[in-house]
C-alpha atoms as a PDB file:
ATOM      1  CA  UNK A   1      -2.407 -85.634 -87.994  1.00  0.00           C
ATOM      2  CA  UNK A   2      -2.981 -89.385 -88.334  1.00  0.00           C
ATOM      3  CA  UNK A   3      -6.462 -90.332 -87.096  1.00  0.00           C
ATOM      4  CA  UNK A   4      -5.173 -93.767 -86.068  1.00  0.00           C
ATOM      5  CA  UNK A   5      -2.779 -92.072 -83.651  1.00  0.00           C
ATOM      6  CA  UNK A   6      -5.619 -90.018 -82.211  1.00  0.00           C
ATOM      7  CA  UNK A   7      -7.729 -93.126 -81.744  1.00  0.00           C
ATOM      8  CA  UNK A   8      -4.896 -94.805 -79.862  1.00  0.00           C
ATOM      9  CA  UNK A   9      -4.372 -91.661 -77.804  1.00  0.00           C
ATOM     10  CA  UNK A  10      -8.047 -91.576 -76.788  1.00  0.00           C
ATOM     11  CA  UNK A  11      -7.927 -95.259 -75.840  1.00  0.00           C
ATOM     12  CA  UNK A  12      -4.885 -94.696 -73.597  1.00  0.00           C
ATOM     13  CA  UNK A  13      -6.385 -91.518 -72.126  1.00  0.00           C
ATOM     14  CA  UNK A  14      -9.614 -93.284 -71.202  1.00  0.00           C
ATOM     15  CA  UNK A  15      -8.037 -96.534 -70.030  1.00  0.00           C
ATOM     16  CA  UNK A  16      -5.305 -94.847 -67.990  1.00  0.00           C
ATOM     17  CA  UNK A  17      -2.921 -97.598 -69.028  1.00  0.00           C
ATOM     18  CA  UNK A  18      -0.897 -98.499 -72.110  1.00  0.00           C
ATOM     19  CA  UNK A  19      -1.437-102.191 -71.446  1.00  0.00           C
ATOM     20  CA  UNK A  20      -5.198-101.882 -71.027  1.00  0.00           C
ATOM     21  CA  UNK A  21      -5.488 -99.700 -74.126  1.00  0.00           C
ATOM     22  CA  UNK A  22      -3.498-102.221 -76.142  1.00  0.00           C
ATOM     23  CA  UNK A  23      -5.910-104.958 -75.109  1.00  0.00           C
ATOM     24  CA  UNK A  24      -8.930-102.842 -76.048  1.00  0.00           C
ATOM     25  CA  UNK A  25      -7.434-101.946 -79.437  1.00  0.00           C
ATOM     26  CA  UNK A  26      -6.168-105.440 -80.219  1.00  0.00           C
ATOM     27  CA  UNK A  27      -2.590-104.172 -80.522  1.00  0.00           C
ATOM     28  CA  UNK A  28       0.666-105.008 -78.776  1.00  0.00           C
ATOM     29  CA  UNK A  29       1.838-102.733 -75.992  1.00  0.00           C
ATOM     30  CA  UNK A  30       5.007-101.739 -77.913  1.00  0.00           C
ATOM     31  CA  UNK A  31       2.811-100.708 -80.863  1.00  0.00           C
ATOM     32  CA  UNK A  32       0.646 -98.528 -78.627  1.00  0.00           C
ATOM     33  CA  UNK A  33       3.727 -97.041 -76.962  1.00  0.00           C
ATOM     34  CA  UNK A  34       5.239 -96.286 -80.351  1.00  0.00           C
ATOM     35  CA  UNK A  35       2.078 -94.565 -81.580  1.00  0.00           C
ATOM     36  CA  UNK A  36       1.881 -92.378 -78.479  1.00  0.00           C
ATOM     37  CA  UNK A  37       5.545 -91.394 -78.872  1.00  0.00           C
ATOM     38  CA  UNK A  38       4.950 -90.593 -82.533  1.00  0.00           C
ATOM     39  CA  UNK A  39       2.011 -88.353 -81.624  1.00  0.00           C
ATOM     40  CA  UNK A  40       4.063 -86.651 -78.909  1.00  0.00           C
ATOM     41  CA  UNK A  41       6.821 -85.925 -81.445  1.00  0.00           C
ATOM     42  CA  UNK A  42       4.272 -84.419 -83.848  1.00  0.00           C
ATOM     43  CA  UNK A  43       2.843 -82.200 -81.119  1.00  0.00           C
ATOM     44  CA  UNK A  44       6.203 -81.353 -79.582  1.00  0.00           C
ATOM     45  CA  UNK A  45       5.052 -82.003 -76.030  1.00  0.00           C
ATOM     46  CA  UNK A  46       4.493 -84.973 -73.684  1.00  0.00           C
ATOM     47  CA  UNK A  47       0.977 -86.359 -73.340  1.00  0.00           C
ATOM     48  CA  UNK A  48       1.393 -88.840 -70.502  1.00  0.00           C
ATOM     49  CA  UNK A  49       3.525 -89.256 -67.406  1.00  0.00           C
ATOM     50  CA  UNK A  50       4.510 -92.907 -67.029  1.00  0.00           C
ATOM     51  CA  UNK A  51       4.017 -94.359 -63.551  1.00  0.00           C
ATOM     52  CA  UNK A  52       4.410 -97.773 -61.960  1.00  0.00           C
ATOM     53  CA  UNK A  53       0.728 -98.420 -62.528  1.00  0.00           C
ATOM     54  CA  UNK A  54      -0.611 -96.840 -65.680  1.00  0.00           C
ATOM     55  CA  UNK A  55      -0.158 -93.324 -67.006  1.00  0.00           C
ATOM     56  CA  UNK A  56      -1.318 -89.866 -65.954  1.00  0.00           C
ATOM     57  CA  UNK A  57      -2.383 -87.396 -68.669  1.00  0.00           C
ATOM     58  CA  UNK A  58      -0.697 -84.021 -68.887  1.00  0.00           C
ATOM     59  CA  UNK A  59      -2.610 -80.780 -69.362  1.00  0.00           C
ATOM     60  CA  UNK A  60      -1.830 -81.023 -73.089  1.00  0.00           C
ATOM     61  CA  UNK A  61      -3.467 -84.471 -73.126  1.00  0.00           C
ATOM     62  CA  UNK A  62      -6.531 -83.148 -71.327  1.00  0.00           C
ATOM     63  CA  UNK A  63      -6.946 -80.438 -73.940  1.00  0.00           C
ATOM     64  CA  UNK A  64      -6.345 -82.775 -76.887  1.00  0.00           C
ATOM     65  CA  UNK A  65      -8.843 -85.291 -75.525  1.00  0.00           C
ATOM     66  CA  UNK A  66     -11.447 -82.603 -74.976  1.00  0.00           C
ATOM     67  CA  UNK A  67     -11.126 -81.372 -78.548  1.00  0.00           C
ATOM     68  CA  UNK A  68     -10.737 -84.682 -80.383  1.00  0.00           C
ATOM     69  CA  UNK A  69     -12.638 -87.407 -78.488  1.00  0.00           C
ATOM     70  CA  UNK A  70     -16.190 -86.475 -79.608  1.00  0.00           C
ATOM     71  CA  UNK A  71     -15.054 -86.379 -83.245  1.00  0.00           C
ATOM     72  CA  UNK A  72     -13.188 -89.687 -83.036  1.00  0.00           C
ATOM     73  CA  UNK A  73     -16.262 -91.285 -81.452  1.00  0.00           C
ATOM     74  CA  UNK A  74     -18.457 -89.887 -84.217  1.00  0.00           C
ATOM     75  CA  UNK A  75     -16.148 -91.234 -86.937  1.00  0.00           C
ATOM     76  CA  UNK A  76     -16.094 -94.667 -85.303  1.00  0.00           C
ATOM     77  CA  UNK A  77     -19.890 -94.606 -85.131  1.00  0.00           C
ATOM     78  CA  UNK A  78     -20.077 -93.851 -88.853  1.00  0.00           C
ATOM     79  CA  UNK A  79     -17.528 -96.554 -89.682  1.00  0.00           C
ATOM     80  CA  UNK A  80     -19.335 -99.174 -87.630  1.00  0.00           C
ATOM     81  CA  UNK A  81     -22.703 -98.188 -89.089  1.00  0.00           C
ATOM     82  CA  UNK A  82     -21.390 -98.363 -92.665  1.00  0.00           C
ATOM     83  CA  UNK A  83     -19.791-101.745 -92.103  1.00  0.00           C
ATOM     84  CA  UNK A  84     -22.863-103.270 -90.471  1.00  0.00           C
ATOM     85  CA  UNK A  85     -25.686-105.003 -92.270  1.00  0.00           C
ATOM     86  CA  UNK A  86     -28.214-102.340 -93.259  1.00  0.00           C
ATOM     87  CA  UNK A  87     -30.990-104.530 -91.912  1.00  0.00           C
ATOM     88  CA  UNK A  88     -29.342-104.883 -88.505  1.00  0.00           C
ATOM     89  CA  UNK A  89     -31.377-103.739 -85.530  1.00  0.00           C
ATOM     90  CA  UNK A  90     -30.174-100.876 -83.406  1.00  0.00           C
ATOM     91  CA  UNK A  91     -28.556-101.939 -80.150  1.00  0.00           C
ATOM     92  CA  UNK A  92     -28.166-100.196 -76.813  1.00  0.00           C
ATOM     93  CA  UNK A  93     -25.389-101.509 -74.581  1.00  0.00           C
ATOM     94  CA  UNK A  94     -26.345-100.509 -71.044  1.00  0.00           C
ATOM     95  CA  UNK A  95     -24.579-100.943 -67.718  1.00  0.00           C
ATOM     96  CA  UNK A  96     -25.546-100.270 -64.125  1.00  0.00           C
ATOM     97  CA  UNK A  97     -26.100-101.665 -60.628  1.00  0.00           C
ATOM     98  CA  UNK A  98     -28.110-104.907 -60.734  1.00  0.00           C
ATOM     99  CA  UNK A  99     -31.086-103.953 -58.570  1.00  0.00           C
ATOM    100  CA  UNK A 100     -31.803-100.476 -59.933  1.00  0.00           C
ATOM    101  CA  UNK A 101     -31.169-101.544 -63.511  1.00  0.00           C
ATOM    102  CA  UNK A 102     -33.452-104.569 -63.122  1.00  0.00           C
ATOM    103  CA  UNK A 103     -36.326-102.927 -61.274  1.00  0.00           C
ATOM    104  CA  UNK A 104     -36.284 -99.438 -62.736  1.00  0.00           C
ATOM    105  CA  UNK A 105     -34.233 -98.991 -65.893  1.00  0.00           C
ATOM    106  CA  UNK A 106     -34.995-102.087 -67.975  1.00  0.00           C
ATOM    107  CA  UNK A 107     -38.792-101.907 -67.466  1.00  0.00           C
ATOM    108  CA  UNK A 108     -38.677 -98.240 -68.491  1.00  0.00           C
ATOM    109  CA  UNK A 109     -36.980 -99.224 -71.762  1.00  0.00           C
ATOM    110  CA  UNK A 110     -39.492-101.956 -72.581  1.00  0.00           C
ATOM    111  CA  UNK A 111     -41.418 -99.737 -74.990  1.00  0.00           C
ATOM    112  CA  UNK A 112     -38.258 -98.936 -76.960  1.00  0.00           C
ATOM    113  CA  UNK A 113     -37.457-102.652 -77.147  1.00  0.00           C
ATOM    114  CA  UNK A 114     -40.884-103.290 -78.666  1.00  0.00           C
ATOM    115  CA  UNK A 115     -40.175-100.451 -81.098  1.00  0.00           C
ATOM    116  CA  UNK A 116     -37.069-102.115 -82.537  1.00  0.00           C
ATOM    117  CA  UNK A 117     -34.273-101.363 -80.064  1.00  0.00           C
ATOM    118  CA  UNK A 118     -32.119-104.296 -78.977  1.00  0.00           C
ATOM    119  CA  UNK A 119     -30.864-103.944 -75.404  1.00  0.00           C
ATOM    120  CA  UNK A 120     -27.828-105.640 -73.916  1.00  0.00           C
ATOM    121  CA  UNK A 121     -27.531-105.067 -70.167  1.00  0.00           C
ATOM    122  CA  UNK A 122     -24.577-105.679 -67.876  1.00  0.00           C
ATOM    123  CA  UNK A 123     -24.145-105.137 -64.150  1.00  0.00           C
ATOM    124  CA  UNK A 124     -21.139-103.736 -62.329  1.00  0.00           C
ATOM    125  CA  UNK A 125     -19.589-101.032 -60.183  1.00  0.00           C
ATOM    126  CA  UNK A 126     -19.234 -97.381 -61.150  1.00  0.00           C
ATOM    127  CA  UNK A 127     -15.552 -97.847 -62.009  1.00  0.00           C
ATOM    128  CA  UNK A 128     -16.420-100.778 -64.253  1.00  0.00           C
ATOM    129  CA  UNK A 129     -19.108 -98.695 -65.948  1.00  0.00           C
ATOM    130  CA  UNK A 130     -16.709 -95.792 -66.585  1.00  0.00           C
ATOM    131  CA  UNK A 131     -14.102 -98.150 -68.032  1.00  0.00           C
ATOM    132  CA  UNK A 132     -16.718 -99.806 -70.226  1.00  0.00           C
ATOM    133  CA  UNK A 133     -18.008 -96.469 -71.503  1.00  0.00           C
ATOM    134  CA  UNK A 134     -14.505 -95.279 -72.294  1.00  0.00           C
ATOM    135  CA  UNK A 135     -13.782 -98.517 -74.157  1.00  0.00           C
ATOM    136  CA  UNK A 136     -17.053 -98.289 -76.139  1.00  0.00           C
ATOM    137  CA  UNK A 137     -18.352-101.438 -74.434  1.00  0.00           C
ATOM    138  CA  UNK A 138     -21.355 -99.489 -73.106  1.00  0.00           C
ATOM    139  CA  UNK A 139     -23.390 -96.695 -74.639  1.00  0.00           C
ATOM    140  CA  UNK A 140     -25.114 -95.593 -71.420  1.00  0.00           C
ATOM    141  CA  UNK A 141     -24.473 -96.376 -67.781  1.00  0.00           C
ATOM    142  CA  UNK A 142     -26.249 -95.813 -64.483  1.00  0.00           C
ATOM    143  CA  UNK A 143     -23.971 -94.971 -61.557  1.00  0.00           C
ATOM    144  CA  UNK A 144     -24.131 -93.412 -58.111  1.00  0.00           C
ATOM    145  CA  UNK A 145     -20.795 -91.655 -58.693  1.00  0.00           C
ATOM    146  CA  UNK A 146     -20.081 -88.799 -61.079  1.00  0.00           C
ATOM    147  CA  UNK A 147     -17.229 -89.424 -63.528  1.00  0.00           C
ATOM    148  CA  UNK A 148     -14.148 -87.246 -63.519  1.00  0.00           C
ATOM    149  CA  UNK A 149     -12.815 -85.466 -66.551  1.00  0.00           C
ATOM    150  CA  UNK A 150     -14.547 -84.200 -69.660  1.00  0.00           C
ATOM    151  CA  UNK A 151     -14.847 -87.341 -71.767  1.00  0.00           C
ATOM    152  CA  UNK A 152     -17.892 -88.667 -69.929  1.00  0.00           C
ATOM    153  CA  UNK A 153     -21.028 -86.620 -69.268  1.00  0.00           C
ATOM    154  CA  UNK A 154     -23.303 -87.349 -66.296  1.00  0.00           C
ATOM    155  CA  UNK A 155     -26.896 -86.155 -65.903  1.00  0.00           C
ATOM    156  CA  UNK A 156     -28.706 -86.551 -62.544  1.00  0.00           C
ATOM    157  CA  UNK A 157     -31.380 -89.181 -63.046  1.00  0.00           C
ATOM    158  CA  UNK A 158     -33.172 -89.490 -59.691  1.00  0.00           C
ATOM    159  CA  UNK A 159     -32.694 -89.659 -55.933  1.00  0.00           C
ATOM    160  CA  UNK A 160     -33.451 -92.761 -53.909  1.00  0.00           C
ATOM    161  CA  UNK A 161     -34.501 -92.545 -50.272  1.00  0.00           C
ATOM    162  CA  UNK A 162     -32.896 -94.957 -47.818  1.00  0.00           C
ATOM    163  CA  UNK A 163     -34.997 -96.632 -45.128  1.00  0.00           C
ATOM    164  CA  UNK A 164     -33.954 -98.520 -41.998  1.00  0.00           C
ATOM    165  CA  UNK A 165     -36.102-101.647 -41.952  1.00  0.00           C
ATOM    166  CA  UNK A 166     -36.608-104.819 -39.948  1.00  0.00           C
ATOM    167  CA  UNK A 167     -39.066-107.695 -39.750  1.00  0.00           C
ATOM    168  CA  UNK A 168     -42.147-107.012 -37.558  1.00  0.00           C
ATOM    169  CA  UNK A 169     -40.869-109.110 -34.662  1.00  0.00           C
ATOM    170  CA  UNK A 170     -37.589-107.199 -34.507  1.00  0.00           C
ATOM    171  CA  UNK A 171     -39.509-103.932 -34.788  1.00  0.00           C
ATOM    172  CA  UNK A 172     -41.728-104.988 -31.869  1.00  0.00           C
ATOM    173  CA  UNK A 173     -38.716-105.808 -29.688  1.00  0.00           C
ATOM    174  CA  UNK A 174     -37.015-102.520 -30.523  1.00  0.00           C
ATOM    175  CA  UNK A 175     -40.268-100.636 -29.989  1.00  0.00           C
ATOM    176  CA  UNK A 176     -40.601-102.077 -26.503  1.00  0.00           C
ATOM    177  CA  UNK A 177     -37.047-100.992 -25.701  1.00  0.00           C
ATOM    178  CA  UNK A 178     -37.754 -97.494 -26.949  1.00  0.00           C
ATOM    179  CA  UNK A 179     -40.903 -97.200 -24.844  1.00  0.00           C
ATOM    180  CA  UNK A 180     -39.007 -98.201 -21.725  1.00  0.00           C
ATOM    181  CA  UNK A 181     -36.179 -95.770 -22.457  1.00  0.00           C
ATOM    182  CA  UNK A 182     -38.243 -92.825 -23.619  1.00  0.00           C
ATOM    183  CA  UNK A 183     -37.668 -93.072 -27.382  1.00  0.00           C
ATOM    184  CA  UNK A 184     -35.683 -90.830 -29.740  1.00  0.00           C
ATOM    185  CA  UNK A 185     -32.919 -91.408 -32.324  1.00  0.00           C
ATOM    186  CA  UNK A 186     -30.156 -91.646 -29.708  1.00  0.00           C
ATOM    187  CA  UNK A 187     -32.056 -94.341 -27.818  1.00  0.00           C
ATOM    188  CA  UNK A 188     -32.785 -96.236 -31.034  1.00  0.00           C
ATOM    189  CA  UNK A 189     -29.108 -96.065 -31.936  1.00  0.00           C
ATOM    190  CA  UNK A 190     -28.152 -97.704 -28.644  1.00  0.00           C
ATOM    191  CA  UNK A 191     -30.940-100.265 -28.941  1.00  0.00           C
ATOM    192  CA  UNK A 192     -29.688-101.294 -32.387  1.00  0.00           C
ATOM    193  CA  UNK A 193     -26.172-102.173 -31.196  1.00  0.00           C
ATOM    194  CA  UNK A 194     -26.915-105.854 -30.406  1.00  0.00           C
ATOM    195  CA  UNK A 195     -29.276-106.358 -33.360  1.00  0.00           C
ATOM    196  CA  UNK A 196     -27.890-108.389 -36.335  1.00  0.00           C
ATOM    197  CA  UNK A 197     -27.305-106.446 -39.555  1.00  0.00           C
ATOM    198  CA  UNK A 198     -27.643-107.478 -43.177  1.00  0.00           C
ATOM    199  CA  UNK A 199     -25.587-105.648 -45.828  1.00  0.00           C
ATOM    200  CA  UNK A 200     -24.302-105.856 -49.389  1.00  0.00           C
ATOM    201  CA  UNK A 201     -20.596-105.525 -48.528  1.00  0.00           C
ATOM    202  CA  UNK A 202     -18.246-105.998 -45.575  1.00  0.00           C
ATOM    203  CA  UNK A 203     -17.594-102.245 -45.533  1.00  0.00           C
ATOM    204  CA  UNK A 204     -21.293-101.651 -44.656  1.00  0.00           C
ATOM    205  CA  UNK A 205     -21.713 -98.817 -47.200  1.00  0.00           C
ATOM    206  CA  UNK A 206     -25.458 -98.223 -46.756  1.00  0.00           C
ATOM    207  CA  UNK A 207     -25.527 -98.659 -42.981  1.00  0.00           C
ATOM    208  CA  UNK A 208     -22.461 -96.456 -42.477  1.00  0.00           C
ATOM    209  CA  UNK A 209     -23.963 -93.649 -44.569  1.00  0.00           C
ATOM    210  CA  UNK A 210     -27.322 -93.929 -42.795  1.00  0.00           C
ATOM    211  CA  UNK A 211     -25.776 -93.962 -39.309  1.00  0.00           C
ATOM    212  CA  UNK A 212     -23.757 -90.829 -40.100  1.00  0.00           C
ATOM    213  CA  UNK A 213     -26.735 -88.951 -41.560  1.00  0.00           C
ATOM    214  CA  UNK A 214     -29.434 -89.938 -39.059  1.00  0.00           C
ATOM    215  CA  UNK A 215     -27.622 -90.828 -35.832  1.00  0.00           C
ATOM    216  CA  UNK A 216     -24.476 -88.722 -36.367  1.00  0.00           C
ATOM    217  CA  UNK A 217     -22.529 -91.700 -35.083  1.00  0.00           C
ATOM    218  CA  UNK A 218     -20.271 -94.446 -36.442  1.00  0.00           C
ATOM    219  CA  UNK A 219     -21.368 -98.048 -36.858  1.00  0.00           C
ATOM    220  CA  UNK A 220     -19.970-100.205 -34.082  1.00  0.00           C
ATOM    221  CA  UNK A 221     -21.459-103.567 -35.076  1.00  0.00           C
ATOM    222  CA  UNK A 222     -20.557-105.896 -37.939  1.00  0.00           C
ATOM    223  CA  UNK A 223     -22.933-107.532 -40.361  1.00  0.00           C
ATOM    224  CA  UNK A 224     -24.238-111.025 -39.687  1.00  0.00           C
ATOM    225  CA  UNK A 225     -25.120-111.610 -43.338  1.00  0.00           C
ATOM    226  CA  UNK A 226     -23.400-110.139 -46.404  1.00  0.00           C
ATOM    227  CA  UNK A 227     -25.270-110.600 -49.691  1.00  0.00           C
ATOM    228  CA  UNK A 228     -24.105-108.675 -52.803  1.00  0.00           C
ATOM    229  CA  UNK A 229     -27.631-107.943 -54.019  1.00  0.00           C
ATOM    230  CA  UNK A 230     -30.137-105.681 -52.282  1.00  0.00           C
ATOM    231  CA  UNK A 231     -32.980-108.027 -53.182  1.00  0.00           C
ATOM    232  CA  UNK A 232     -31.236-110.776 -51.234  1.00  0.00           C
ATOM    233  CA  UNK A 233     -30.771-108.358 -48.322  1.00  0.00           C
ATOM    234  CA  UNK A 234     -34.509-107.646 -48.335  1.00  0.00           C
ATOM    235  CA  UNK A 235     -35.327-111.358 -48.375  1.00  0.00           C
ATOM    236  CA  UNK A 236     -33.085-111.905 -45.347  1.00  0.00           C
ATOM    237  CA  UNK A 237     -34.696-109.028 -43.452  1.00  0.00           C
ATOM    238  CA  UNK A 238     -38.177-110.372 -44.224  1.00  0.00           C
ATOM    239  CA  UNK A 239     -37.046-113.738 -42.861  1.00  0.00           C
ATOM    240  CA  UNK A 240     -36.095-112.070 -39.575  1.00  0.00           C
ATOM    241  CA  UNK A 241     -32.307-112.077 -39.977  1.00  0.00           C
ATOM    242  CA  UNK A 242     -31.880-108.542 -38.662  1.00  0.00           C
ATOM    243  CA  UNK A 243     -32.023-104.913 -39.751  1.00  0.00           C
ATOM    244  CA  UNK A 244     -30.874-103.330 -43.008  1.00  0.00           C
ATOM    245  CA  UNK A 245     -30.798-100.023 -44.843  1.00  0.00           C
ATOM    246  CA  UNK A 246     -32.573-100.325 -48.196  1.00  0.00           C
ATOM    247  CA  UNK A 247     -33.808 -98.030 -50.968  1.00  0.00           C
ATOM    248  CA  UNK A 248     -37.485 -97.259 -50.480  1.00  0.00           C
ATOM    249  CA  UNK A 249     -38.358 -98.218 -54.061  1.00  0.00           C
ATOM    250  CA  UNK A 250     -36.979-101.708 -53.475  1.00  0.00           C
ATOM    251  CA  UNK A 251     -38.791-102.403 -50.207  1.00  0.00           C
ATOM    252  CA  UNK A 252     -41.983-100.386 -50.841  1.00  0.00           C
ATOM    253  CA  UNK A 253     -44.131-103.433 -51.559  1.00  0.00           C
ATOM    254  CA  UNK A 254     -42.832-105.232 -48.468  1.00  0.00           C
ATOM    255  CA  UNK A 255     -43.546-102.123 -46.380  1.00  0.00           C
ATOM    256  CA  UNK A 256     -47.088-101.885 -47.746  1.00  0.00           C
ATOM    257  CA  UNK A 257     -47.722-105.567 -46.965  1.00  0.00           C
ATOM    258  CA  UNK A 258     -46.268-105.274 -43.465  1.00  0.00           C
ATOM    259  CA  UNK A 259     -43.534-107.791 -44.252  1.00  0.00           C
ATOM    260  CA  UNK A 260     -40.963-105.261 -43.042  1.00  0.00           C
ATOM    261  CA  UNK A 261     -41.312-102.148 -40.873  1.00  0.00           C
ATOM    262  CA  UNK A 262     -39.531 -98.802 -41.106  1.00  0.00           C
ATOM    263  CA  UNK A 263     -37.870 -98.286 -37.713  1.00  0.00           C
ATOM    264  CA  UNK A 264     -37.562 -94.506 -37.902  1.00  0.00           C
ATOM    265  CA  UNK A 265     -38.925 -91.648 -39.982  1.00  0.00           C
ATOM    266  CA  UNK A 266     -36.159 -89.011 -39.924  1.00  0.00           C
ATOM    267  CA  UNK A 267     -37.083 -85.397 -40.803  1.00  0.00           C
ATOM    268  CA  UNK A 268     -34.538 -85.465 -43.630  1.00  0.00           C
ATOM    269  CA  UNK A 269     -34.141 -89.014 -44.938  1.00  0.00           C
ATOM    270  CA  UNK A 270     -30.758 -89.993 -46.416  1.00  0.00           C
ATOM    271  CA  UNK A 271     -30.717 -89.868 -50.212  1.00  0.00           C
ATOM    272  CA  UNK A 272     -28.464 -91.263 -52.920  1.00  0.00           C
ATOM    273  CA  UNK A 273     -28.358 -89.798 -56.418  1.00  0.00           C
ATOM    274  CA  UNK A 274     -28.246 -91.885 -59.586  1.00  0.00           C
ATOM    275  CA  UNK A 275     -26.579 -90.474 -62.684  1.00  0.00           C
ATOM    276  CA  UNK A 276     -27.119 -91.329 -66.331  1.00  0.00           C
ATOM    277  CA  UNK A 277     -23.663 -91.324 -67.927  1.00  0.00           C
ATOM    278  CA  UNK A 278     -22.624 -91.266 -71.585  1.00  0.00           C
ATOM    279  CA  UNK A 279     -19.599 -90.356 -73.630  1.00  0.00           C
ATOM    280  CA  UNK A 280     -19.301 -86.634 -74.324  1.00  0.00           C
ATOM    281  CA  UNK A 281     -20.523 -85.698 -77.772  1.00  0.00           C
ATOM    282  CA  UNK A 282     -23.572 -86.338 -79.929  1.00  0.00           C
ATOM    283  CA  UNK A 283     -24.700 -89.976 -79.710  1.00  0.00           C
ATOM    284  CA  UNK A 284     -26.420 -91.924 -82.469  1.00  0.00           C
ATOM    285  CA  UNK A 285     -30.163 -91.145 -82.739  1.00  0.00           C
ATOM    286  CA  UNK A 286     -31.312 -94.393 -81.118  1.00  0.00           C
ATOM    287  CA  UNK A 287     -28.965 -93.820 -78.183  1.00  0.00           C
ATOM    288  CA  UNK A 288     -30.088 -90.209 -77.809  1.00  0.00           C
ATOM    289  CA  UNK A 289     -33.690 -91.410 -77.754  1.00  0.00           C
ATOM    290  CA  UNK A 290     -32.946 -93.984 -75.030  1.00  0.00           C
ATOM    291  CA  UNK A 291     -31.126 -91.306 -73.012  1.00  0.00           C
ATOM    292  CA  UNK A 292     -34.082 -88.917 -73.248  1.00  0.00           C
ATOM    293  CA  UNK A 293     -36.583 -91.718 -72.560  1.00  0.00           C
ATOM    294  CA  UNK A 294     -34.856 -92.627 -69.294  1.00  0.00           C
ATOM    295  CA  UNK A 295     -34.708 -89.013 -68.135  1.00  0.00           C
ATOM    296  CA  UNK A 296     -38.453 -88.680 -68.711  1.00  0.00           C
ATOM    297  CA  UNK A 297     -39.247 -91.983 -66.994  1.00  0.00           C
ATOM    298  CA  UNK A 298     -37.142 -91.015 -63.955  1.00  0.00           C
ATOM    299  CA  UNK A 299     -39.483 -88.116 -63.193  1.00  0.00           C
ATOM    300  CA  UNK A 300     -41.906 -90.670 -61.695  1.00  0.00           C
ATOM    301  CA  UNK A 301     -39.293 -92.693 -59.793  1.00  0.00           C
END
C-alpha cells in the first residue's frame, strides 16, 4: 500500500474535509479526491461518506486510521528530523486557552526552555486545538473538552474551581440585601438579578454553568460587559463593573488583597477539568518530556 495514500487518508480523516486536507497537504482538491478513491479501490470498500459539508468516515476508515495513524506520524517525525539541521533546537508547538496557558502552562515549562526546548504557543478554542493537532500544527494542546475518536489522546490535567466574585462595594450592597431577607442561595440568586454581569462571551458560559450548579436556576440577566479574556473580566470586576464567575487560580491574588470578594461558598463548588491532548502514538522524546513535565506540575495547581 502506498504510504503517500495513507498520509492523504489520515489528513482527510483528521480534517473531516477534502478541501481542508488539500490545503494542509499543499495539494489540489481533485488530487486528494483521486488519492482517496485509489485507496478505496485498493481496499475494496468506501472510506468516507461525502456530505454537503465535509466527509464522514466509515467504520472501515475508523479502523484504518486507528491502525495506521501512529505509524504515519512516526515516519513523518523521522523524515522531518532527518531533513532538519542537526544543530537545530527542539521545538514544542503548544496550543491552549489564553489565560490558563499564560498563567499556568508557560511558566511551568520555563525550566525546559532554559534546558534547550524552544516553545511556540498559540491560543484558541478546543475545536481549533483539535484541528491544529490533527494537522501537525501543534504537538500538545490544553482544552476543557475531550476529543472524540482514537487519533487524539487526552489526559486529565487539573480541575479549576469557579468562584462568584464582585468588588467590595457590590458585595456590601448584596450582603445588606441578604441580611434583610434572611440569607441563603435562593435569596442571593434573586438579589443578583439586577446586578450587572461581566463575561467572556454573549452566551454567558461560566455564569450559566455556575447558576445551574449552585442555584439550580437559569440565568435571566444579560451581561453588561463582554471581554474575551478572563483577565479583562477580572479587571472590570475590580473596577466595580459588576459580578463575574472566575477560576479561583486567576482571582486568588485579588481575593487575598480584598480587591474582590467571593459572594458565596457553596458546599460543592463548580469545577472545570483541563485536559492535556496529544496525537495518539509515541511522541518524540522532547515532546514526551514536556507532556510528563506538565502532568507533574499540574499536581500543585
